[in-house]
Each structure stands twice: as structure tokens, then as C-alpha cells.
Amino acid sequence: MNILITGGAGFIGSHTADKLVTLGHNVRILDALRHPIHLKGFPKYLDKTKVEFIFGDVRDRSVLEFALTGIDVVYHLAAYQDYLPDYATFTHINAYSTSLIYEIIEQKKLPVRKVIVASSQAVMGEGRYLCEEHGFFYPNIRSDNQLQLKEWNHLCPVCKKALVLQKSDETVINPQNPYAMSKYMQEMLAINLGRRIGIPSVAMRYSIVQGPRQSFYNTYSGACRIFSLCNYLKKRPTIYEDGMMLRDYVNVHDVVDANVMVMEKSEADFNVFNVGAGQTWTVNEFAGIVASVFNTEIGTTMPGEYRYGDTRHIFSDTAKLQSLGWKPQRTIRDSVAEYKTYLEGQLDIEDIVDFAEKNMRSLGVIRKAIV
């Protein structure tokens, strides 16, 4: 089949492209190579002899029309994701581009067979929690006043006892930041416009995806990049809050397997799926795993700071996706080990560790508790 991947030069997109090529598909990539994600231009890991590359923005109608011509399946993975308070940009890139894809397909009567969009675990916000006495709760973002006092955990609004994290399935919808809101817009647009015009569509809510090719300069990309860089450069990584935040880290190759499966299975049509690892780790545990893979003993630093807007815990329930035959195959150590190999092949990375932190501090995202 002829397959278009928007954002195909990026982290998940490029791995998906590689897999589809090995399966014998013709792959076309549309990517704007935006800064700072692609600070050094066209990535070396992409082979232009095996994929067709179009340089352009997914919001440009003429470019998108050209890219969609002759396409059977669309993976819409292009997205804007960062801690920056660019509220309109999140909506314009993520939601508007999704609407435009369906608009062009309908207006031009293009024979597209399926559209798969990249959503995010962030759509679920803080997720589902349980108070044994008062039932389930879906808390909103923690207030700055609460975090200033180092009151990290969510409390039952009735009895004020600590709530217990539960798995969150696809029915949990409570986006708390502009990125998450734009991703929920994408889900609604894809599923509902897909039904409207008869194009099978799927939305994939990725958990925290880890592995090689994550941008060094994207503030949003997470713990694997930051902790690996720190251990590689022998700098102690910073742990925010108390390091006990629970996270669901999934390997990029497991994500690719899920992407391919929902393309091939009609049972996936018009559904939203969580794509996660099926277990959680604390940030402290993850830092320890990275140090073990790098064989370092540099430790961490915990200055009593927090990133305003971070979720306390989150854990995706992947039963729905697993019911179609998918399950994660790689371990968290696999993700870190492959990232280590990737990192060791890079040049001029000494300045990267401080880049994201300085950016977040300048925007007031990183804040200091007062107690």
C-alpha cells in the first residue's frame, strides 16, 4: 500500500516508516523539520532511497493535498508538543491539521482507506483514583499553592486521605494542559469525521514512549533522554518533587507494532486505544535503571522543585488494545540500552543537558517549593 506519515522524520514516525518499508509498503513522509526538534536539519537515520520525503507544513492545504494524492493509509503523527505556553499553536498544528486532512479527503474524493492519528495519554489528565471510603475520583491539575507546600499527592476531597492510583482506560477524559486538549480534539475529529465521511479511523493514546531518535532539544521529551544524557556526561540529573511519581514507559518498537496492527485490523476502526507498557515505575526507579545501564554511580539531585502542570501519577489500561492481539514485548531496560547506543553515536551534545531546563525556568515552568 501507499502510506503517508505526517511527522515521519520524528521519533515515532521514523520508526513506523522503517517498519512499514520492511513490510513492503511504499512510504511517503511529510515533515516541516521544525526547530528545535530538528535543530540540525534532515535526520541521518532516515534513508531517502527507501522513502519519499516532502518538506512542508501539515497546515498548508496545497502541500497536504499533494502529499495525500495516491495514498491508501494516513498516519497523522505530526504534532506540536512542548511545555511552552503557545496555546494557539497547539490547537492550530494538532487539531486544525487533522480537520484539514478529512476536509481534503472528502472534497477531493480521495480513496484513502484508513487514517490513524497520534493521541496521547495526556488526554486522561491526572487519571483515575480511588478513595476506599468515597469511591472514584478524577482530579484536576494540582494547584500551585499545593505544590508550593510540597503536598505532592492527590487527596480525597471528602476525607482528605491520599487517593490511590488506578489504571485509566479509554473512557477517562480529563485533559489539563493545552497539548492534551488539542490531542482530545484530534481524537474527536478523527473518529467523528471518519464516521461522517466513511473513512475508518483510529486514535492511539501513547503513554511515555522511550527509545532512540527522541529529539535532544525538545523540552517535552522525557526521562530517558534527560537521565541518559546526564549519566553519559557524568552530570547528576535533577529529580522533581520527591521522585515518587508513577509513570508508564513504553518502548517505541512496541508502539510501532501497535501502529501496524491497527492499520491491518478492521476491528480497530473508529476506536481509541491506550498504548502503554502495562506497568509503572517511579521516576526514582527509572533513574536507577538508567544509571545501571550506563554503569555509573553519579546519583541524583532533589532540590525540592517541581514542574507546574506535571501529573502526579498516570497509568494506562491497555486491555482494549491487547484484546486485538497486541502486547508489549520490550522491557524498560531495552529502551534505555538502545538509547545509550544511539547517544554514543552523536556529536556535539555537551550543551544539551541544560538546554531544556533553562528554557523551562525562563518560562516559569520549574518552580521552587517554599517549605
Protein backbone atom coordinates (compact mmCIF):
# COMPACT_ATOMS: atom_id res chain seq x y z
CA MET A 1 0.00 0.00 0.00
CA ASN A 2 0.94 3.65 -0.36
CA ILE A 3 1.25 5.15 3.10
CA LEU A 4 1.67 8.77 4.17
CA ILE A 5 3.25 9.54 7.54
CA THR A 6 2.98 13.15 8.64
CA GLY A 7 5.78 13.92 11.06
CA GLY A 8 7.58 10.91 9.64
CA ALA A 9 11.03 12.37 10.29
CA GLY A 10 10.33 12.41 14.02
CA PHE A 11 10.75 9.87 16.79
CA ILE A 12 7.70 7.59 16.44
CA GLY A 13 7.16 8.49 12.79
CA SER A 14 10.60 7.43 11.58
CA HIS A 15 10.45 4.09 13.41
CA THR A 16 6.98 3.50 11.95
CA ALA A 17 8.32 4.34 8.49
CA ASP A 18 11.18 1.86 8.89
CA LYS A 19 8.79 -0.92 9.86
CA LEU A 20 6.36 -0.23 7.02
CA VAL A 21 9.19 -0.25 4.48
CA THR A 22 10.36 -3.65 5.73
CA LEU A 23 6.78 -4.90 5.28
CA GLY A 24 6.90 -3.89 1.62
CA HIS A 25 4.79 -0.73 1.71
CA ASN A 26 5.56 2.47 -0.18
CA VAL A 27 6.14 5.20 2.39
CA ARG A 28 5.82 8.95 1.86
CA ILE A 29 6.83 11.34 4.65
CA LEU A 30 5.57 14.88 5.12
CA ASP A 31 7.56 16.84 7.69
CA ALA A 32 8.35 20.50 8.31
CA LEU A 33 11.56 19.67 10.24
CA ARG A 34 10.58 22.26 12.85
CA HIS A 35 13.05 23.74 15.29
CA PRO A 36 14.11 22.89 17.91
CA ILE A 37 13.08 19.26 17.31
CA HIS A 38 15.12 19.00 14.12
CA LEU A 39 17.73 21.58 15.04
CA LYS A 40 20.31 20.04 12.69
CA GLY A 41 18.02 19.57 9.70
CA PHE A 42 17.15 16.32 7.94
CA PRO A 43 17.94 13.40 10.29
CA LYS A 44 20.64 10.94 9.29
CA TYR A 45 18.59 7.95 10.43
CA LEU A 46 16.14 8.39 7.52
CA ASP A 47 17.08 6.75 4.22
CA LYS A 48 15.83 8.87 1.32
CA THR A 49 16.37 5.96 -1.04
CA LYS A 50 13.66 3.98 0.76
CA VAL A 51 11.08 6.68 1.49
CA GLU A 52 9.69 9.63 -0.42
CA PHE A 53 10.20 12.86 1.50
CA ILE A 54 8.12 16.04 1.17
CA PHE A 55 9.22 19.11 3.08
CA GLY A 56 6.17 21.03 4.22
CA ASP A 57 3.72 22.01 6.93
CA VAL A 58 0.60 19.94 7.64
CA ARG A 59 -1.38 23.20 7.85
CA ASP A 60 -0.55 24.10 4.25
CA ARG A 61 -3.53 22.98 2.15
CA SER A 62 -1.66 22.78 -1.14
CA VAL A 63 1.20 20.77 0.35
CA LEU A 64 -1.19 18.44 2.17
CA GLU A 65 -3.28 17.89 -0.96
CA PHE A 66 -0.14 16.93 -2.86
CA ALA A 67 1.02 14.61 -0.07
CA LEU A 68 -2.37 12.85 0.12
CA THR A 69 -2.54 12.12 -3.61
CA GLY A 70 -2.47 8.39 -4.32
CA ILE A 71 -2.39 7.45 -0.64
CA ASP A 72 -4.17 4.41 0.87
CA VAL A 73 -3.40 4.92 4.58
CA VAL A 74 -2.50 8.03 6.56
CA TYR A 75 -0.57 8.05 9.82
CA HIS A 76 -1.04 11.57 11.19
CA LEU A 77 1.83 11.77 13.67
CA ALA A 78 2.91 15.38 13.11
CA ALA A 79 2.33 17.32 16.31
CA TYR A 80 3.39 20.24 18.41
CA GLN A 81 4.35 19.13 21.91
CA ASP A 82 6.27 21.09 24.49
CA TYR A 83 5.95 22.88 27.82
CA LEU A 84 5.75 26.23 26.03
CA PRO A 85 2.59 28.30 26.69
CA ASP A 86 1.84 28.53 22.96
CA TYR A 87 -1.83 27.74 23.38
CA ALA A 88 -2.94 28.67 19.88
CA THR A 89 -0.06 26.77 18.28
CA PHE A 90 -1.06 23.51 19.93
CA THR A 91 -4.57 23.83 18.55
CA HIS A 92 -3.51 25.06 15.13
CA ILE A 93 -0.94 22.38 14.42
CA ASN A 94 -2.60 19.44 16.12
CA ALA A 95 -6.33 20.00 15.65
CA TYR A 96 -6.53 22.17 12.54
CA SER A 97 -4.27 19.83 10.56
CA THR A 98 -6.46 16.88 11.48
CA SER A 99 -9.58 18.66 10.26
CA LEU A 100 -7.78 19.62 7.07
CA ILE A 101 -6.87 16.01 6.28
CA TYR A 102 -10.51 14.92 6.38
CA GLU A 103 -11.67 18.01 4.53
CA ILE A 104 -9.27 17.35 1.67
CA ILE A 105 -10.13 13.65 1.54
CA GLU A 106 -13.84 14.48 1.25
CA GLN A 107 -13.55 17.42 -1.12
CA LYS A 108 -11.10 15.72 -3.47
CA LYS A 109 -12.85 12.34 -3.15
CA LEU A 110 -9.52 10.68 -2.37
CA PRO A 111 -9.59 6.86 -2.00
CA VAL A 112 -7.97 6.84 1.44
CA ARG A 113 -8.77 3.58 3.25
CA LYS A 114 -7.80 4.48 6.82
CA VAL A 115 -6.49 7.34 8.96
CA ILE A 116 -4.55 6.71 12.18
CA VAL A 117 -3.84 9.69 14.43
CA ALA A 118 -1.38 10.04 17.29
CA SER A 119 -3.11 10.98 20.50
CA SER A 120 -1.63 10.99 23.98
CA GLN A 121 -2.01 9.59 27.47
CA ALA A 122 -2.23 13.27 28.45
CA VAL A 123 -5.88 13.24 27.31
CA MET A 124 -6.66 11.40 30.56
CA GLY A 125 -5.11 14.17 32.63
CA GLU A 126 -4.39 13.06 36.18
CA GLY A 127 -6.24 9.80 35.56
CA ARG A 128 -8.47 7.71 37.79
CA TYR A 129 -8.00 7.46 41.57
CA LEU A 130 -9.78 5.61 44.36
CA CYS A 131 -10.72 6.50 47.89
CA GLU A 132 -11.78 3.25 49.58
CA GLU A 133 -14.44 5.12 51.51
CA HIS A 134 -15.77 7.58 48.95
CA GLY A 135 -15.19 5.93 45.58
CA PHE A 136 -13.53 7.01 42.36
CA PHE A 137 -12.24 10.49 41.59
CA TYR A 138 -10.73 12.15 38.53
CA PRO A 139 -8.72 15.04 39.99
CA ASN A 140 -7.78 18.17 38.13
CA ILE A 141 -4.34 19.72 37.98
CA ARG A 142 -2.66 20.25 41.34
CA SER A 143 -2.69 23.89 42.38
CA ASP A 144 0.47 25.93 42.65
CA ASN A 145 -0.35 26.62 46.30
CA GLN A 146 -0.48 22.88 47.00
CA LEU A 147 2.83 22.24 45.25
CA GLN A 148 4.49 25.17 46.98
CA LEU A 149 3.84 23.33 50.25
CA LYS A 150 5.25 20.04 48.90
CA GLU A 151 1.83 18.45 49.12
CA TRP A 152 2.52 16.25 46.12
CA ASN A 153 -0.30 13.71 46.30
CA HIS A 154 -3.94 13.95 45.35
CA LEU A 155 -6.28 13.82 48.33
CA CYS A 156 -9.86 12.71 48.61
CA PRO A 157 -11.95 15.91 48.55
CA VAL A 158 -14.21 14.44 51.23
CA CYS A 159 -11.98 12.80 53.85
CA LYS A 160 -8.64 14.34 52.77
CA LYS A 161 -6.88 10.96 52.76
CA ALA A 162 -4.42 10.15 49.97
CA LEU A 163 -6.09 8.78 46.86
CA VAL A 164 -4.83 5.52 45.36
CA LEU A 165 -3.90 5.47 41.66
CA GLN A 166 -5.94 3.20 39.40
CA LYS A 167 -5.47 2.18 35.78
CA SER A 168 -7.16 4.59 33.39
CA ASP A 169 -8.95 3.13 30.39
CA GLU A 170 -10.05 4.99 27.28
CA THR A 171 -13.23 6.28 28.92
CA VAL A 172 -11.13 8.55 31.15
CA ILE A 173 -11.04 12.01 29.56
CA ASN A 174 -9.85 14.99 31.56
CA PRO A 175 -7.16 16.94 29.63
CA GLN A 176 -5.43 19.51 31.83
CA ASN A 177 -2.99 21.32 29.53
CA PRO A 178 -3.16 22.82 26.02
CA TYR A 179 -1.28 19.92 24.45
CA ALA A 180 -3.67 17.39 25.98
CA MET A 181 -6.71 19.45 24.96
CA SER A 182 -5.50 19.61 21.37
CA LYS A 183 -4.96 15.85 21.38
CA TYR A 184 -8.50 15.23 22.57
CA MET A 185 -9.69 17.48 19.76
CA GLN A 186 -7.76 15.25 17.36
CA GLU A 187 -9.45 12.14 18.74
CA MET A 188 -12.91 13.62 18.34
CA LEU A 189 -12.17 14.94 14.87
CA ALA A 190 -10.69 11.67 13.64
CA ILE A 191 -13.36 9.34 14.99
CA ASN A 192 -16.38 11.55 14.24
CA LEU A 193 -15.27 12.95 10.88
CA GLY A 194 -14.13 9.47 9.91
CA ARG A 195 -17.62 8.15 10.60
CA ARG A 196 -19.20 11.10 8.82
CA ILE A 197 -17.38 10.53 5.55
CA GLY A 198 -16.91 6.77 5.82
CA ILE A 199 -13.13 6.66 6.42
CA PRO A 200 -12.12 4.08 9.06
CA SER A 201 -10.13 6.00 11.66
CA VAL A 202 -8.18 5.13 14.81
CA ALA A 203 -6.70 7.26 17.60
CA MET A 204 -3.68 5.97 19.54
CA ARG A 205 -3.14 7.31 23.06
CA TYR A 206 0.57 6.77 23.54
CA SER A 207 1.99 6.60 27.06
CA ILE A 208 5.55 7.90 27.63
CA VAL A 209 7.34 6.47 24.62
CA GLN A 210 11.05 5.72 25.05
CA GLY A 211 13.87 4.74 22.71
CA PRO A 212 16.38 6.14 20.21
CA ARG A 213 15.76 9.18 17.98
CA GLN A 214 13.98 11.25 20.61
CA SER A 215 14.90 14.86 19.95
CA PHE A 216 17.68 16.15 22.18
CA TYR A 217 16.22 19.66 22.10
CA ASN A 218 12.52 19.08 22.71
CA THR A 219 11.64 20.27 26.21
CA TYR A 220 8.73 17.82 26.24
CA SER A 221 10.69 14.62 25.57
CA GLY A 222 11.28 12.92 28.82
CA ALA A 223 13.17 10.95 31.38
CA CYS A 224 15.04 8.55 29.12
CA ARG A 225 16.68 11.40 27.22
CA ILE A 226 17.41 13.54 30.28
CA PHE A 227 18.70 10.80 32.57
CA SER A 228 20.69 9.15 29.79
CA LEU A 229 22.39 12.40 28.82
CA CYS A 230 23.24 13.15 32.44
CA ASN A 231 24.74 9.72 33.02
CA TYR A 232 26.61 9.87 29.73
CA LEU A 233 28.11 13.26 30.60
CA LYS A 234 28.59 12.37 34.29
CA LYS A 235 26.19 15.06 35.50
CA ARG A 236 23.72 14.38 38.29
CA PRO A 237 20.16 14.51 36.95
CA THR A 238 17.54 16.59 38.73
CA ILE A 239 14.57 14.78 40.26
CA TYR A 240 11.47 16.94 40.67
CA GLU A 241 9.06 16.68 43.60
CA ASP A 242 10.02 13.59 45.64
CA GLY A 243 10.72 11.28 42.71
CA MET A 244 7.83 9.00 43.64
CA MET A 245 5.71 9.96 40.63
CA LEU A 246 4.48 6.84 38.84
CA ARG A 247 4.94 6.72 35.08
CA ASP A 248 4.06 4.27 32.32
CA TYR A 249 7.05 3.99 29.95
CA VAL A 250 6.52 2.10 26.67
CA ASN A 251 9.15 1.09 24.12
CA VAL A 252 8.95 2.76 20.70
CA HIS A 253 9.09 -0.59 18.88
CA ASP A 254 6.05 -1.80 20.82
CA VAL A 255 4.31 1.41 19.75
CA VAL A 256 5.22 0.71 16.12
CA ASP A 257 3.82 -2.81 16.42
CA ALA A 258 0.56 -1.31 17.68
CA ASN A 259 0.52 1.22 14.84
CA VAL A 260 0.87 -1.52 12.26
CA MET A 261 -1.68 -3.78 13.89
CA VAL A 262 -4.48 -1.20 13.93
CA MET A 263 -3.79 -0.46 10.26
CA GLU A 264 -4.24 -4.11 9.39
CA LYS A 265 -7.21 -4.95 11.63
CA SER A 266 -10.71 -3.74 10.80
CA GLU A 267 -11.71 -4.43 14.42
CA ALA A 268 -9.69 -1.34 15.34
CA ASP A 269 -11.72 1.00 13.16
CA PHE A 270 -13.38 4.00 14.85
CA ASN A 271 -11.75 3.26 18.18
CA VAL A 272 -9.39 4.97 20.61
CA PHE A 273 -6.65 2.81 22.12
CA ASN A 274 -4.25 3.25 25.02
CA VAL A 275 -0.73 2.17 24.11
CA GLY A 276 1.34 1.57 27.24
CA ALA A 277 3.72 -0.83 28.94
CA GLY A 278 1.21 -2.43 31.31
CA GLN A 279 3.17 -1.46 34.42
CA THR A 280 4.52 1.62 36.16
CA TRP A 281 7.81 2.76 37.64
CA THR A 282 8.58 5.67 39.92
CA VAL A 283 10.84 8.34 38.50
CA ASN A 284 13.41 7.35 41.14
CA GLU A 285 13.28 3.75 39.94
CA PHE A 286 13.67 4.82 36.34
CA ALA A 287 16.70 6.96 37.24
CA GLY A 288 18.22 3.92 38.90
CA ILE A 289 17.64 1.76 35.83
CA VAL A 290 19.36 4.33 33.61
CA ALA A 291 22.34 4.54 35.96
CA SER A 292 22.57 0.74 35.94
CA VAL A 293 22.56 0.56 32.13
CA PHE A 294 25.25 3.25 31.95
CA ASN A 295 27.16 1.61 34.84
CA THR A 296 27.51 4.90 36.71
CA GLU A 297 27.12 5.91 40.34
CA ILE A 298 26.69 9.66 40.00
CA GLY A 299 23.42 9.75 41.93
CA THR A 300 20.69 12.36 41.54
CA THR A 301 19.85 15.75 42.98
CA MET A 302 16.46 16.59 44.50
CA PRO A 303 16.25 20.36 45.12
CA GLY A 304 12.60 20.49 46.18
CA GLU A 305 11.47 21.87 42.83
CA TYR A 306 8.51 20.90 40.66
CA ARG A 307 7.32 21.42 37.11
CA TYR A 308 3.98 23.15 37.27
CA GLY A 309 1.46 21.22 35.19
CA ASP A 310 3.05 17.77 35.61
CA THR A 311 0.74 14.92 36.51
CA ARG A 312 1.43 13.25 39.84
CA HIS A 313 0.82 9.72 38.57
CA ILE A 314 -0.64 8.14 35.43
CA PHE A 315 -1.18 4.54 34.35
CA SER A 316 -2.86 3.47 31.11
CA ASP A 317 -5.07 0.39 30.93
CA THR A 318 -4.17 -1.37 27.64
CA ALA A 319 -6.70 -4.22 27.85
CA LYS A 320 -8.65 -2.89 24.88
CA LEU A 321 -5.61 -2.92 22.58
CA GLN A 322 -4.43 -6.27 23.92
CA SER A 323 -7.83 -7.76 23.08
CA LEU A 324 -6.82 -7.36 19.41
CA GLY A 325 -3.66 -9.42 19.91
CA TRP A 326 -1.05 -6.79 20.82
CA LYS A 327 1.09 -6.80 23.94
CA PRO A 328 4.36 -5.06 24.82
CA GLN A 329 7.42 -7.19 24.10
CA ARG A 330 10.33 -4.97 25.22
CA THR A 331 11.49 -4.01 28.69
CA ILE A 332 12.33 -0.62 30.08
CA ARG A 333 15.99 -1.67 30.10
CA ASP A 334 15.72 -2.43 26.38
CA SER A 335 14.59 1.16 25.79
CA VAL A 336 17.45 2.65 27.79
CA ALA A 337 20.10 0.34 26.33
CA GLU A 338 19.08 1.19 22.76
CA TYR A 339 19.02 4.88 23.60
CA LYS A 340 22.51 4.57 25.08
CA THR A 341 23.80 3.09 21.82
CA TYR A 342 22.12 5.88 19.87
CA LEU A 343 23.54 8.54 22.17
CA GLU A 344 27.07 7.20 21.87
CA GLY A 345 26.92 7.78 18.12
CA GLN A 346 26.12 11.50 18.43
CA LEU A 347 28.43 14.51 18.22
CA ASP A 348 28.36 17.95 19.87
CA ILE A 349 25.94 17.11 22.66
CA GLU A 350 27.71 18.71 25.62
CA ASP A 351 25.34 21.69 25.68
CA ILE A 352 22.13 19.69 25.56
CA VAL A 353 21.59 18.80 29.23
CA ASP A 354 20.98 22.37 30.32
CA PHE A 355 19.02 23.44 27.23
CA ALA A 356 15.56 22.20 28.24
CA GLU A 357 15.96 23.13 31.90
CA LYS A 358 16.98 26.70 31.10
CA ASN A 359 14.05 27.01 28.73
CA MET A 360 11.56 25.77 31.33
CA ARG A 361 12.99 28.06 34.01
CA SER A 362 12.72 31.07 31.72
CA LEU A 363 9.03 30.26 31.21
CA GLY A 364 8.33 29.72 34.90
CA VAL A 365 7.53 26.02 34.47
CA ILE A 366 10.13 24.90 37.03
CA ARG A 367 9.28 26.32 40.44
CA LYS A 368 10.68 26.04 43.95
CA ALA A 369 8.63 24.84 46.91
CA ILE A 370 8.64 27.24 49.88
CA VAL A 371 8.85 24.64 52.67
